[in-house]
Amino acid sequence: MSFKRLIAAGLIVFLAICGAISSARAEPFKIVGFGDSLMAGFGLGPGEGFTDKLQAALRARGHDVTVANAGVSGDTSSGGLARLDWSVPDGTQLVILELGANDMLRGVSPDITRKNLDAMLGKLEERKIAVLLAGMRAAPNLGADYQNAFDAVFPELAAKYGVTLYPFFLDGVAGQPSLQLEDGLHPNAKGVDLMVERILPTVEKAIAAVPGGFVISD
């Protein structure tokens, strides 16, 4: 092979490598919202759910992300554990883990909720997928003992695994009829807007902590 052909072949290989690197860097940051009806968008129209609005909010702030909806209405922490492996695809960089509300509504022992969430966090840690743990709070009518035990699950597990904690997924929406559907449990479109607004800084910090995630300024 002539010298010119060697140079040309080398240039082609170099450009191919550069193109592959560029393509890899061009991939959006992949988030999966994994949860129950609060994540699935129960009772809401197209584009009104939490994952859609979170993706739009992040993109509006200049972040190249995708936010997949892996919410299943009625899911408990037991159901989430059973489907975690196939619901969170390889290549996912951050999971927003939001489960426990249905456990609480059914009066499931907080020990069971803790055990299931602990197992999910362990599985995601093994896969080297970052987690933002979205907490839930027990209804007061379940009694102080249940409330204290349930509410403690989320901060304690977040500390154990060193993951980002958002203390209460329905912050600002729970107990506000104007931000809820008629069932008094699920957020309406305005409620989702507020949820996204309040959780957005925490999501950005969680992404920034992931190797290859974007850098944010104070």
N, C-alpha and C. Protein backbone atom coordinates (compact mmCIF):
# COMPACT_ATOMS: atom_id res chain seq x y z
N MET A 1 0.86 -1.20 0.00
CA MET A 1 0.00 0.00 0.00
C MET A 1 0.89 1.24 0.00
N SER A 2 0.54 2.19 -0.84
CA SER A 2 1.35 3.40 -0.95
C SER A 2 1.20 4.25 0.30
N PHE A 3 2.15 5.19 0.47
CA PHE A 3 2.13 6.07 1.63
C PHE A 3 0.84 6.89 1.67
N LYS A 4 0.40 7.36 0.49
CA LYS A 4 -0.82 8.17 0.44
C LYS A 4 -2.04 7.35 0.87
N ARG A 5 -2.05 6.07 0.45
CA ARG A 5 -3.18 5.22 0.82
C ARG A 5 -3.18 4.94 2.33
N LEU A 6 -1.97 4.77 2.89
CA LEU A 6 -1.87 4.56 4.33
C LEU A 6 -2.40 5.76 5.10
N ILE A 7 -2.01 6.95 4.62
CA ILE A 7 -2.48 8.19 5.25
C ILE A 7 -4.00 8.28 5.16
N ALA A 8 -4.52 7.97 3.97
CA ALA A 8 -5.97 8.06 3.77
C ALA A 8 -6.71 7.06 4.66
N ALA A 9 -6.17 5.83 4.74
CA ALA A 9 -6.81 4.81 5.57
C ALA A 9 -6.77 5.21 7.04
N GLY A 10 -5.63 5.77 7.46
CA GLY A 10 -5.50 6.22 8.84
C GLY A 10 -6.47 7.34 9.15
N LEU A 11 -6.67 8.23 8.20
CA LEU A 11 -7.60 9.35 8.39
C LEU A 11 -9.03 8.85 8.53
N ILE A 12 -9.37 7.85 7.72
CA ILE A 12 -10.73 7.29 7.79
C ILE A 12 -10.99 6.68 9.15
N VAL A 13 -10.00 5.91 9.64
CA VAL A 13 -10.14 5.29 10.96
C VAL A 13 -10.27 6.35 12.04
N PHE A 14 -9.44 7.41 11.96
CA PHE A 14 -9.48 8.49 12.94
C PHE A 14 -10.83 9.17 12.95
N LEU A 15 -11.36 9.45 11.76
CA LEU A 15 -12.65 10.12 11.67
C LEU A 15 -13.77 9.23 12.21
N ALA A 16 -13.65 7.91 11.96
CA ALA A 16 -14.65 6.98 12.46
C ALA A 16 -14.65 6.96 13.98
N ILE A 17 -13.45 6.96 14.58
CA ILE A 17 -13.34 6.98 16.04
C ILE A 17 -13.93 8.27 16.60
N CYS A 18 -13.58 9.38 15.98
CA CYS A 18 -14.12 10.68 16.43
C CYS A 18 -15.64 10.71 16.33
N GLY A 19 -16.14 10.11 15.25
CA GLY A 19 -17.59 10.08 15.08
C GLY A 19 -18.26 9.24 16.13
N ALA A 20 -17.63 8.11 16.48
CA ALA A 20 -18.20 7.24 17.52
C ALA A 20 -18.21 7.94 18.86
N ILE A 21 -17.11 8.66 19.17
CA ILE A 21 -17.03 9.39 20.43
C ILE A 21 -18.08 10.49 20.47
N SER A 22 -18.21 11.18 19.33
CA SER A 22 -19.20 12.27 19.26
C SER A 22 -20.61 11.74 19.45
N SER A 23 -20.89 10.56 18.82
CA SER A 23 -22.22 9.98 18.95
C SER A 23 -22.51 9.58 20.38
N ALA A 24 -21.47 9.02 21.03
CA ALA A 24 -21.65 8.61 22.43
C ALA A 24 -21.96 9.81 23.30
N ARG A 25 -21.25 10.89 23.08
CA ARG A 25 -21.47 12.09 23.88
C ARG A 25 -22.81 12.74 23.57
N ALA A 26 -23.33 12.47 22.36
CA ALA A 26 -24.59 13.09 21.97
C ALA A 26 -25.79 12.38 22.56
N GLU A 27 -25.58 11.20 23.16
CA GLU A 27 -26.68 10.47 23.75
C GLU A 27 -27.27 11.25 24.92
N PRO A 28 -28.60 11.35 24.99
CA PRO A 28 -29.21 12.06 26.13
C PRO A 28 -29.02 11.29 27.43
N PHE A 29 -29.09 12.01 28.53
CA PHE A 29 -29.02 11.41 29.85
C PHE A 29 -30.33 10.69 30.10
N LYS A 30 -30.27 9.42 30.48
CA LYS A 30 -31.46 8.58 30.55
C LYS A 30 -31.95 8.43 32.00
N ILE A 31 -33.18 8.87 32.22
CA ILE A 31 -33.84 8.78 33.52
C ILE A 31 -35.06 7.88 33.39
N VAL A 32 -35.31 7.06 34.40
CA VAL A 32 -36.54 6.26 34.45
C VAL A 32 -37.30 6.63 35.71
N GLY A 33 -38.55 7.02 35.54
CA GLY A 33 -39.43 7.26 36.68
C GLY A 33 -40.14 5.96 37.02
N PHE A 34 -39.77 5.35 38.14
CA PHE A 34 -40.26 4.01 38.49
C PHE A 34 -41.16 4.13 39.71
N GLY A 35 -42.44 3.85 39.54
CA GLY A 35 -43.34 4.03 40.66
C GLY A 35 -44.74 3.51 40.41
N ASP A 36 -45.70 4.13 41.08
CA ASP A 36 -47.10 3.71 41.01
C ASP A 36 -47.91 4.70 40.19
N SER A 37 -49.19 4.87 40.54
CA SER A 37 -50.06 5.74 39.76
C SER A 37 -49.62 7.20 39.79
N LEU A 38 -48.94 7.61 40.85
CA LEU A 38 -48.45 8.99 40.93
C LEU A 38 -47.41 9.25 39.85
N MET A 39 -46.66 8.22 39.50
CA MET A 39 -45.66 8.32 38.44
C MET A 39 -46.30 8.03 37.08
N ALA A 40 -47.26 7.10 37.06
CA ALA A 40 -47.87 6.68 35.80
C ALA A 40 -48.72 7.79 35.17
N GLY A 41 -49.26 8.69 36.01
CA GLY A 41 -50.09 9.77 35.49
C GLY A 41 -51.57 9.42 35.49
N PHE A 42 -52.01 8.73 36.54
CA PHE A 42 -53.41 8.33 36.65
C PHE A 42 -54.35 9.52 36.50
N GLY A 43 -55.35 9.36 35.62
CA GLY A 43 -56.39 10.37 35.45
C GLY A 43 -55.98 11.60 34.67
N LEU A 44 -54.79 11.59 34.10
CA LEU A 44 -54.28 12.76 33.38
C LEU A 44 -54.24 12.50 31.88
N GLY A 45 -54.25 13.57 31.10
CA GLY A 45 -54.20 13.45 29.65
C GLY A 45 -52.77 13.31 29.14
N PRO A 46 -52.63 13.10 27.83
CA PRO A 46 -51.30 12.97 27.23
C PRO A 46 -50.44 14.20 27.51
N GLY A 47 -49.22 13.96 27.94
CA GLY A 47 -48.29 15.05 28.22
C GLY A 47 -48.48 15.72 29.56
N GLU A 48 -49.48 15.29 30.35
CA GLU A 48 -49.76 15.94 31.63
C GLU A 48 -49.13 15.22 32.83
N GLY A 49 -48.57 14.05 32.60
CA GLY A 49 -48.01 13.27 33.69
C GLY A 49 -46.67 13.80 34.18
N PHE A 50 -46.23 13.28 35.31
CA PHE A 50 -45.01 13.74 35.95
C PHE A 50 -43.78 13.57 35.07
N THR A 51 -43.61 12.40 34.46
CA THR A 51 -42.40 12.18 33.68
C THR A 51 -42.33 13.08 32.46
N ASP A 52 -43.47 13.27 31.80
CA ASP A 52 -43.50 14.15 30.62
C ASP A 52 -43.15 15.59 31.00
N LYS A 53 -43.73 16.05 32.10
CA LYS A 53 -43.50 17.43 32.50
C LYS A 53 -42.10 17.63 33.08
N LEU A 54 -41.57 16.61 33.74
CA LEU A 54 -40.20 16.72 34.23
C LEU A 54 -39.21 16.78 33.07
N GLN A 55 -39.43 15.93 32.08
CA GLN A 55 -38.56 15.97 30.90
C GLN A 55 -38.61 17.34 30.23
N ALA A 56 -39.82 17.87 30.06
CA ALA A 56 -39.97 19.19 29.43
C ALA A 56 -39.27 20.28 30.25
N ALA A 57 -39.39 20.21 31.57
CA ALA A 57 -38.77 21.22 32.44
C ALA A 57 -37.25 21.15 32.37
N LEU A 58 -36.71 19.94 32.37
CA LEU A 58 -35.26 19.79 32.28
C LEU A 58 -34.74 20.27 30.92
N ARG A 59 -35.45 19.93 29.87
CA ARG A 59 -35.03 20.37 28.53
C ARG A 59 -35.12 21.89 28.40
N ALA A 60 -36.13 22.47 29.03
CA ALA A 60 -36.27 23.93 28.99
C ALA A 60 -35.10 24.62 29.66
N ARG A 61 -34.45 23.92 30.58
CA ARG A 61 -33.27 24.45 31.27
C ARG A 61 -31.98 24.07 30.57
N GLY A 62 -32.11 23.50 29.35
CA GLY A 62 -30.95 23.22 28.53
C GLY A 62 -30.32 21.86 28.73
N HIS A 63 -31.01 20.95 29.43
CA HIS A 63 -30.45 19.63 29.71
C HIS A 63 -30.97 18.61 28.70
N ASP A 64 -30.06 17.87 28.08
CA ASP A 64 -30.42 16.86 27.09
C ASP A 64 -30.73 15.56 27.83
N VAL A 65 -32.00 15.33 28.12
CA VAL A 65 -32.42 14.17 28.90
C VAL A 65 -33.64 13.51 28.28
N THR A 66 -33.82 12.25 28.63
CA THR A 66 -35.09 11.57 28.38
C THR A 66 -35.57 11.05 29.73
N VAL A 67 -36.88 11.13 29.97
CA VAL A 67 -37.45 10.64 31.21
C VAL A 67 -38.53 9.63 30.85
N ALA A 68 -38.23 8.35 31.02
CA ALA A 68 -39.17 7.28 30.68
C ALA A 68 -40.13 7.04 31.83
N ASN A 69 -41.37 6.71 31.48
CA ASN A 69 -42.40 6.47 32.47
C ASN A 69 -42.52 4.96 32.72
N ALA A 70 -42.06 4.52 33.90
CA ALA A 70 -42.20 3.12 34.29
C ALA A 70 -43.09 3.04 35.52
N GLY A 71 -44.15 3.84 35.51
CA GLY A 71 -45.12 3.80 36.60
C GLY A 71 -46.25 2.85 36.28
N VAL A 72 -46.73 2.14 37.28
CA VAL A 72 -47.85 1.21 37.13
C VAL A 72 -48.88 1.52 38.21
N SER A 73 -50.08 1.90 37.80
CA SER A 73 -51.12 2.23 38.77
C SER A 73 -51.43 1.04 39.66
N GLY A 74 -51.54 1.31 40.96
CA GLY A 74 -51.85 0.27 41.92
C GLY A 74 -50.65 -0.50 42.42
N ASP A 75 -49.48 -0.19 41.90
CA ASP A 75 -48.29 -0.95 42.28
C ASP A 75 -47.91 -0.73 43.74
N THR A 76 -47.54 -1.80 44.40
CA THR A 76 -46.99 -1.74 45.75
C THR A 76 -45.48 -1.91 45.67
N SER A 77 -44.82 -1.81 46.80
CA SER A 77 -43.37 -2.03 46.79
C SER A 77 -43.05 -3.48 46.41
N SER A 78 -43.93 -4.42 46.77
CA SER A 78 -43.72 -5.82 46.38
C SER A 78 -43.82 -5.98 44.86
N GLY A 79 -44.82 -5.34 44.26
CA GLY A 79 -44.96 -5.39 42.82
C GLY A 79 -43.79 -4.73 42.11
N GLY A 80 -43.33 -3.62 42.66
CA GLY A 80 -42.18 -2.94 42.07
C GLY A 80 -40.94 -3.79 42.09
N LEU A 81 -40.70 -4.46 43.20
CA LEU A 81 -39.54 -5.33 43.30
C LEU A 81 -39.60 -6.44 42.28
N ALA A 82 -40.79 -6.99 42.05
CA ALA A 82 -40.95 -8.10 41.12
C ALA A 82 -40.66 -7.70 39.68
N ARG A 83 -40.91 -6.44 39.33
CA ARG A 83 -40.74 -6.02 37.93
C ARG A 83 -39.54 -5.11 37.70
N LEU A 84 -38.78 -4.85 38.73
CA LEU A 84 -37.70 -3.87 38.62
C LEU A 84 -36.72 -4.20 37.50
N ASP A 85 -36.26 -5.44 37.44
CA ASP A 85 -35.19 -5.79 36.51
C ASP A 85 -35.56 -5.52 35.06
N TRP A 86 -36.79 -5.86 34.68
CA TRP A 86 -37.16 -5.65 33.28
C TRP A 86 -37.77 -4.28 33.01
N SER A 87 -38.15 -3.56 34.05
CA SER A 87 -38.73 -2.23 33.86
C SER A 87 -37.67 -1.14 33.74
N VAL A 88 -36.48 -1.41 34.24
CA VAL A 88 -35.38 -0.44 34.16
C VAL A 88 -34.34 -1.00 33.20
N PRO A 89 -34.30 -0.50 31.96
CA PRO A 89 -33.41 -1.07 30.95
C PRO A 89 -31.95 -0.73 31.19
N ASP A 90 -31.07 -1.54 30.61
CA ASP A 90 -29.65 -1.23 30.64
C ASP A 90 -29.42 0.12 29.97
N GLY A 91 -28.47 0.86 30.47
CA GLY A 91 -28.20 2.19 29.94
C GLY A 91 -28.87 3.30 30.73
N THR A 92 -29.79 2.92 31.63
CA THR A 92 -30.41 3.91 32.50
C THR A 92 -29.35 4.49 33.42
N GLN A 93 -29.35 5.82 33.58
CA GLN A 93 -28.35 6.48 34.41
C GLN A 93 -28.90 6.96 35.75
N LEU A 94 -30.21 7.17 35.82
CA LEU A 94 -30.82 7.61 37.07
C LEU A 94 -32.24 7.06 37.15
N VAL A 95 -32.58 6.50 38.29
CA VAL A 95 -33.95 6.06 38.55
C VAL A 95 -34.55 6.95 39.64
N ILE A 96 -35.73 7.49 39.37
CA ILE A 96 -36.51 8.16 40.40
C ILE A 96 -37.43 7.09 40.97
N LEU A 97 -37.11 6.62 42.16
CA LEU A 97 -37.82 5.50 42.78
C LEU A 97 -38.93 6.03 43.68
N GLU A 98 -40.17 5.79 43.26
CA GLU A 98 -41.34 6.34 43.96
C GLU A 98 -42.34 5.22 44.21
N LEU A 99 -42.22 4.59 45.35
CA LEU A 99 -43.15 3.53 45.72
C LEU A 99 -43.38 3.56 47.23
N GLY A 100 -44.52 3.04 47.64
CA GLY A 100 -44.83 2.99 49.07
C GLY A 100 -46.21 3.54 49.40
N ALA A 101 -46.74 4.39 48.53
CA ALA A 101 -48.05 4.99 48.82
C ALA A 101 -49.14 3.93 48.93
N ASN A 102 -49.14 2.96 48.02
CA ASN A 102 -50.17 1.92 48.07
C ASN A 102 -49.96 0.96 49.24
N ASP A 103 -48.72 0.76 49.63
CA ASP A 103 -48.47 -0.02 50.84
C ASP A 103 -49.15 0.65 52.03
N MET A 104 -48.94 1.95 52.12
CA MET A 104 -49.50 2.72 53.23
C MET A 104 -51.03 2.70 53.20
N LEU A 105 -51.62 2.91 52.03
CA LEU A 105 -53.07 2.93 51.92
C LEU A 105 -53.70 1.59 52.26
N ARG A 106 -52.94 0.52 52.07
CA ARG A 106 -53.44 -0.83 52.38
C ARG A 106 -53.05 -1.28 53.78
N GLY A 107 -52.33 -0.43 54.50
CA GLY A 107 -51.92 -0.77 55.85
C GLY A 107 -50.85 -1.84 55.92
N VAL A 108 -50.07 -1.98 54.84
CA VAL A 108 -48.97 -2.95 54.82
C VAL A 108 -47.94 -2.54 55.88
N SER A 109 -47.37 -3.51 56.54
CA SER A 109 -46.37 -3.23 57.56
C SER A 109 -45.21 -2.42 56.97
N PRO A 110 -44.78 -1.35 57.64
CA PRO A 110 -43.62 -0.58 57.17
C PRO A 110 -42.36 -1.45 57.04
N ASP A 111 -42.30 -2.54 57.82
CA ASP A 111 -41.14 -3.44 57.71
C ASP A 111 -41.08 -4.09 56.33
N ILE A 112 -42.25 -4.41 55.77
CA ILE A 112 -42.30 -5.01 54.44
C ILE A 112 -41.91 -3.98 53.39
N THR A 113 -42.45 -2.77 53.54
CA THR A 113 -42.08 -1.69 52.60
C THR A 113 -40.58 -1.45 52.64
N ARG A 114 -40.03 -1.40 53.82
CA ARG A 114 -38.59 -1.18 53.97
C ARG A 114 -37.79 -2.31 53.29
N LYS A 115 -38.20 -3.55 53.54
CA LYS A 115 -37.49 -4.69 52.98
C LYS A 115 -37.49 -4.64 51.45
N ASN A 116 -38.64 -4.31 50.86
CA ASN A 116 -38.75 -4.27 49.40
C ASN A 116 -37.94 -3.12 48.80
N LEU A 117 -38.05 -1.95 49.40
CA LEU A 117 -37.29 -0.81 48.90
C LEU A 117 -35.79 -1.04 49.06
N ASP A 118 -35.41 -1.66 50.17
CA ASP A 118 -34.01 -1.99 50.42
C ASP A 118 -33.49 -2.91 49.31
N ALA A 119 -34.28 -3.92 48.96
CA ALA A 119 -33.88 -4.85 47.91
C ALA A 119 -33.76 -4.15 46.56
N MET A 120 -34.68 -3.22 46.25
CA MET A 120 -34.61 -2.48 44.99
C MET A 120 -33.37 -1.60 44.94
N LEU A 121 -33.10 -0.91 46.02
CA LEU A 121 -31.92 -0.06 46.07
C LEU A 121 -30.65 -0.89 45.92
N GLY A 122 -30.64 -2.06 46.53
CA GLY A 122 -29.48 -2.93 46.38
C GLY A 122 -29.28 -3.40 44.96
N LYS A 123 -30.36 -3.75 44.27
CA LYS A 123 -30.27 -4.18 42.88
C LYS A 123 -29.77 -3.06 41.98
N LEU A 124 -30.28 -1.86 42.20
CA LEU A 124 -29.85 -0.72 41.37
C LEU A 124 -28.39 -0.36 41.65
N GLU A 125 -27.99 -0.49 42.91
CA GLU A 125 -26.59 -0.23 43.26
C GLU A 125 -25.67 -1.24 42.55
N GLU A 126 -26.07 -2.50 42.52
CA GLU A 126 -25.28 -3.51 41.83
C GLU A 126 -25.14 -3.20 40.34
N ARG A 127 -26.18 -2.60 39.77
CA ARG A 127 -26.14 -2.24 38.35
C ARG A 127 -25.49 -0.88 38.10
N LYS A 128 -25.04 -0.27 39.19
CA LYS A 128 -24.38 1.04 39.12
C LYS A 128 -25.30 2.11 38.50
N ILE A 129 -26.57 2.06 38.91
CA ILE A 129 -27.55 3.06 38.47
C ILE A 129 -27.86 3.96 39.66
N ALA A 130 -27.70 5.25 39.46
CA ALA A 130 -27.99 6.22 40.53
C ALA A 130 -29.48 6.27 40.82
N VAL A 131 -29.81 6.64 42.05
CA VAL A 131 -31.22 6.68 42.47
C VAL A 131 -31.54 7.99 43.17
N LEU A 132 -32.69 8.53 42.83
CA LEU A 132 -33.32 9.59 43.61
C LEU A 132 -34.52 8.93 44.27
N LEU A 133 -34.49 8.82 45.59
CA LEU A 133 -35.57 8.17 46.33
C LEU A 133 -36.63 9.21 46.68
N ALA A 134 -37.82 9.02 46.13
CA ALA A 134 -38.94 9.94 46.39
C ALA A 134 -39.74 9.40 47.56
N GLY A 135 -39.72 10.11 48.66
CA GLY A 135 -40.37 9.64 49.88
C GLY A 135 -41.88 9.83 49.87
N MET A 136 -42.51 9.10 50.77
CA MET A 136 -43.95 9.20 50.98
C MET A 136 -44.20 9.34 52.47
N ARG A 137 -45.34 9.88 52.85
CA ARG A 137 -45.69 10.03 54.25
C ARG A 137 -47.02 9.35 54.53
N ALA A 138 -47.11 8.78 55.71
CA ALA A 138 -48.32 8.06 56.08
C ALA A 138 -49.43 9.02 56.48
N ALA A 139 -50.67 8.60 56.21
CA ALA A 139 -51.83 9.39 56.63
C ALA A 139 -51.95 9.35 58.14
N PRO A 140 -52.30 10.48 58.76
CA PRO A 140 -52.40 10.54 60.23
C PRO A 140 -53.40 9.56 60.82
N ASN A 141 -54.45 9.21 60.06
CA ASN A 141 -55.48 8.34 60.61
C ASN A 141 -55.02 6.90 60.82
N LEU A 142 -53.79 6.58 60.39
CA LEU A 142 -53.25 5.24 60.60
C LEU A 142 -52.61 5.09 61.98
N GLY A 143 -52.53 6.18 62.71
CA GLY A 143 -51.97 6.13 64.05
C GLY A 143 -50.52 6.56 64.09
N ALA A 144 -50.12 7.06 65.24
CA ALA A 144 -48.77 7.62 65.38
C ALA A 144 -47.68 6.57 65.20
N ASP A 145 -47.90 5.36 65.73
CA ASP A 145 -46.87 4.33 65.63
C ASP A 145 -46.61 3.96 64.17
N TYR A 146 -47.69 3.73 63.42
CA TYR A 146 -47.54 3.39 62.01
C TYR A 146 -46.90 4.56 61.26
N GLN A 147 -47.39 5.76 61.53
CA GLN A 147 -46.89 6.95 60.84
C GLN A 147 -45.39 7.13 61.07
N ASN A 148 -44.96 7.01 62.29
CA ASN A 148 -43.53 7.20 62.60
C ASN A 148 -42.67 6.12 61.94
N ALA A 149 -43.15 4.88 61.98
CA ALA A 149 -42.38 3.78 61.39
C ALA A 149 -42.30 3.91 59.87
N PHE A 150 -43.43 4.24 59.24
CA PHE A 150 -43.47 4.35 57.78
C PHE A 150 -42.63 5.54 57.30
N ASP A 151 -42.82 6.70 57.92
CA ASP A 151 -42.11 7.90 57.47
C ASP A 151 -40.60 7.76 57.60
N ALA A 152 -40.15 6.94 58.55
CA ALA A 152 -38.71 6.78 58.77
C ALA A 152 -38.03 5.92 57.71
N VAL A 153 -38.81 5.14 56.98
CA VAL A 153 -38.23 4.21 56.00
C VAL A 153 -37.37 4.93 54.97
N PHE A 154 -37.88 6.01 54.44
CA PHE A 154 -37.23 6.65 53.29
C PHE A 154 -35.92 7.35 53.65
N PRO A 155 -35.89 8.21 54.67
CA PRO A 155 -34.59 8.83 55.01
C PRO A 155 -33.56 7.82 55.48
N GLU A 156 -33.99 6.78 56.17
CA GLU A 156 -33.03 5.80 56.66
C GLU A 156 -32.42 4.99 55.52
N LEU A 157 -33.22 4.61 54.53
CA LEU A 157 -32.69 3.88 53.38
C LEU A 157 -31.83 4.78 52.50
N ALA A 158 -32.23 6.04 52.36
CA ALA A 158 -31.41 6.97 51.58
C ALA A 158 -30.03 7.12 52.20
N ALA A 159 -29.99 7.18 53.53
CA ALA A 159 -28.71 7.30 54.22
C ALA A 159 -27.90 6.01 54.07
N LYS A 160 -28.56 4.87 54.16
CA LYS A 160 -27.86 3.58 54.05
C LYS A 160 -27.16 3.43 52.72
N TYR A 161 -27.83 3.83 51.64
CA TYR A 161 -27.28 3.64 50.30
C TYR A 161 -26.60 4.89 49.74
N GLY A 162 -26.67 5.98 50.48
CA GLY A 162 -26.04 7.21 50.01
C GLY A 162 -26.68 7.78 48.76
N VAL A 163 -28.00 7.62 48.62
CA VAL A 163 -28.70 8.13 47.45
C VAL A 163 -29.39 9.45 47.79
N THR A 164 -29.74 10.18 46.76
CA THR A 164 -30.44 11.45 46.92
C THR A 164 -31.87 11.20 47.42
N LEU A 165 -32.30 11.97 48.39
CA LEU A 165 -33.65 11.84 48.94
C LEU A 165 -34.46 13.09 48.65
N TYR A 166 -35.67 12.89 48.12
CA TYR A 166 -36.67 13.95 48.06
C TYR A 166 -37.73 13.54 49.07
N PRO A 167 -37.83 14.22 50.21
CA PRO A 167 -38.58 13.70 51.35
C PRO A 167 -40.04 13.33 51.09
N PHE A 168 -40.75 14.12 50.27
CA PHE A 168 -42.18 13.86 50.11
C PHE A 168 -42.58 14.18 48.67
N PHE A 169 -42.91 13.14 47.92
CA PHE A 169 -43.20 13.31 46.49
C PHE A 169 -44.38 14.23 46.24
N LEU A 170 -45.35 14.24 47.15
CA LEU A 170 -46.56 15.06 46.99
C LEU A 170 -46.47 16.38 47.76
N ASP A 171 -45.26 16.83 48.01
CA ASP A 171 -45.07 18.07 48.75
C ASP A 171 -45.81 19.23 48.08
N GLY A 172 -46.64 19.91 48.86
CA GLY A 172 -47.39 21.05 48.36
C GLY A 172 -48.71 20.69 47.69
N VAL A 173 -48.91 19.40 47.41
CA VAL A 173 -50.12 18.96 46.71
C VAL A 173 -51.07 18.20 47.63
N ALA A 174 -50.51 17.38 48.51
CA ALA A 174 -51.34 16.61 49.44
C ALA A 174 -52.20 17.55 50.28
N GLY A 175 -53.47 17.23 50.37
CA GLY A 175 -54.39 18.04 51.17
C GLY A 175 -54.85 19.32 50.52
N GLN A 176 -54.53 19.50 49.24
CA GLN A 176 -54.94 20.72 48.51
C GLN A 176 -55.92 20.33 47.40
N PRO A 177 -57.22 20.43 47.64
CA PRO A 177 -58.22 19.99 46.66
C PRO A 177 -58.05 20.63 45.28
N SER A 178 -57.61 21.88 45.23
CA SER A 178 -57.48 22.55 43.93
C SER A 178 -56.35 21.96 43.09
N LEU A 179 -55.48 21.16 43.70
CA LEU A 179 -54.35 20.56 42.99
C LEU A 179 -54.51 19.05 42.84
N GLN A 180 -55.70 18.56 43.20
CA GLN A 180 -55.93 17.12 43.17
C GLN A 180 -57.12 16.76 42.30
N LEU A 181 -57.15 15.50 41.86
CA LEU A 181 -58.34 14.98 41.21
C LEU A 181 -59.45 14.81 42.24
N GLU A 182 -60.62 14.47 41.78
CA GLU A 182 -61.77 14.35 42.70
C GLU A 182 -61.58 13.27 43.75
N ASP A 183 -60.69 12.31 43.49
CA ASP A 183 -60.49 11.24 44.47
C ASP A 183 -59.73 11.71 45.71
N GLY A 184 -59.14 12.92 45.63
CA GLY A 184 -58.41 13.46 46.77
C GLY A 184 -57.08 12.79 47.03
N LEU A 185 -56.62 11.97 46.09
CA LEU A 185 -55.36 11.24 46.25
C LEU A 185 -54.32 11.60 45.20
N HIS A 186 -54.79 11.74 43.96
CA HIS A 186 -53.86 11.95 42.85
C HIS A 186 -53.82 13.42 42.42
N PRO A 187 -52.66 13.88 41.96
CA PRO A 187 -52.56 15.27 41.51
C PRO A 187 -53.25 15.47 40.17
N ASN A 188 -53.83 16.65 39.99
CA ASN A 188 -54.30 17.04 38.66
C ASN A 188 -53.14 17.69 37.91
N ALA A 189 -53.41 18.21 36.73
CA ALA A 189 -52.33 18.77 35.92
C ALA A 189 -51.61 19.91 36.63
N LYS A 190 -52.36 20.76 37.33
CA LYS A 190 -51.73 21.85 38.07
C LYS A 190 -50.90 21.31 39.23
N GLY A 191 -51.40 20.25 39.84
CA GLY A 191 -50.65 19.64 40.92
C GLY A 191 -49.32 19.07 40.43
N VAL A 192 -49.34 18.45 39.26
CA VAL A 192 -48.11 17.92 38.68
C VAL A 192 -47.13 19.04 38.39
N ASP A 193 -47.63 20.16 37.91
CA ASP A 193 -46.76 21.32 37.65
C ASP A 193 -46.00 21.72 38.92
N LEU A 194 -46.72 21.76 40.03
CA LEU A 194 -46.08 22.14 41.29
C LEU A 194 -45.09 21.07 41.74
N MET A 195 -45.45 19.81 41.59
CA MET A 195 -44.54 18.73 41.96
C MET A 195 -43.23 18.82 41.18
N VAL A 196 -43.34 19.06 39.89
CA VAL A 196 -42.14 19.18 39.05
C VAL A 196 -41.31 20.39 39.46
N GLU A 197 -41.98 21.50 39.68
CA GLU A 197 -41.28 22.72 40.09
C GLU A 197 -40.49 22.50 41.38
N ARG A 198 -41.08 21.80 42.33
CA ARG A 198 -40.43 21.63 43.63
C ARG A 198 -39.32 20.58 43.60
N ILE A 199 -39.49 19.54 42.80
CA ILE A 199 -38.48 18.47 42.79
C ILE A 199 -37.34 18.76 41.83
N LEU A 200 -37.53 19.69 40.91
CA LEU A 200 -36.56 19.95 39.85
C LEU A 200 -35.13 20.20 40.36
N PRO A 201 -34.93 21.06 41.37
CA PRO A 201 -33.55 21.27 41.85
C PRO A 201 -32.91 19.99 42.38
N THR A 202 -33.70 19.14 43.03
CA THR A 202 -33.18 17.89 43.56
C THR A 202 -32.80 16.94 42.42
N VAL A 203 -33.62 16.90 41.37
CA VAL A 203 -33.31 16.06 40.21
C VAL A 203 -32.01 16.54 39.56
N GLU A 204 -31.86 17.85 39.42
CA GLU A 204 -30.64 18.38 38.81
C GLU A 204 -29.40 18.01 39.62
N LYS A 205 -29.51 18.09 40.92
CA LYS A 205 -28.37 17.72 41.77
C LYS A 205 -28.06 16.24 41.66
N ALA A 206 -29.11 15.41 41.56
CA ALA A 206 -28.90 13.97 41.42
C ALA A 206 -28.21 13.65 40.09
N ILE A 207 -28.60 14.33 39.04
CA ILE A 207 -27.97 14.11 37.74
C ILE A 207 -26.52 14.57 37.77
N ALA A 208 -26.29 15.72 38.37
CA ALA A 208 -24.93 16.28 38.42
C ALA A 208 -23.97 15.37 39.18
N ALA A 209 -24.50 14.56 40.09
CA ALA A 209 -23.66 13.66 40.89
C ALA A 209 -23.27 12.40 40.13
N VAL A 210 -23.91 12.15 38.99
CA VAL A 210 -23.62 10.96 38.18
C VAL A 210 -22.45 11.26 37.27
N PRO A 211 -21.44 10.38 37.21
CA PRO A 211 -20.33 10.59 36.26
C PRO A 211 -20.87 10.76 34.85
N GLY A 212 -20.48 11.86 34.22
CA GLY A 212 -20.99 12.15 32.88
C GLY A 212 -22.25 12.99 32.90
N GLY A 213 -22.82 13.22 34.09
CA GLY A 213 -23.98 14.07 34.20
C GLY A 213 -23.58 15.53 34.00
N PHE A 214 -24.56 16.40 33.82
CA PHE A 214 -24.24 17.79 33.57
C PHE A 214 -23.79 18.50 34.85
N VAL A 215 -23.12 19.60 34.68
CA VAL A 215 -22.64 20.40 35.80
C VAL A 215 -23.62 21.55 36.02
N ILE A 216 -23.99 21.78 37.26
CA ILE A 216 -24.89 22.88 37.56
C ILE A 216 -24.15 23.91 38.41
N SER A 217 -24.59 25.14 38.32
CA SER A 217 -23.97 26.21 39.11
C SER A 217 -24.89 26.53 40.27
N ASP A 218 -24.33 27.05 41.34
CA ASP A 218 -25.12 27.40 42.51
C ASP A 218 -25.95 28.66 42.24
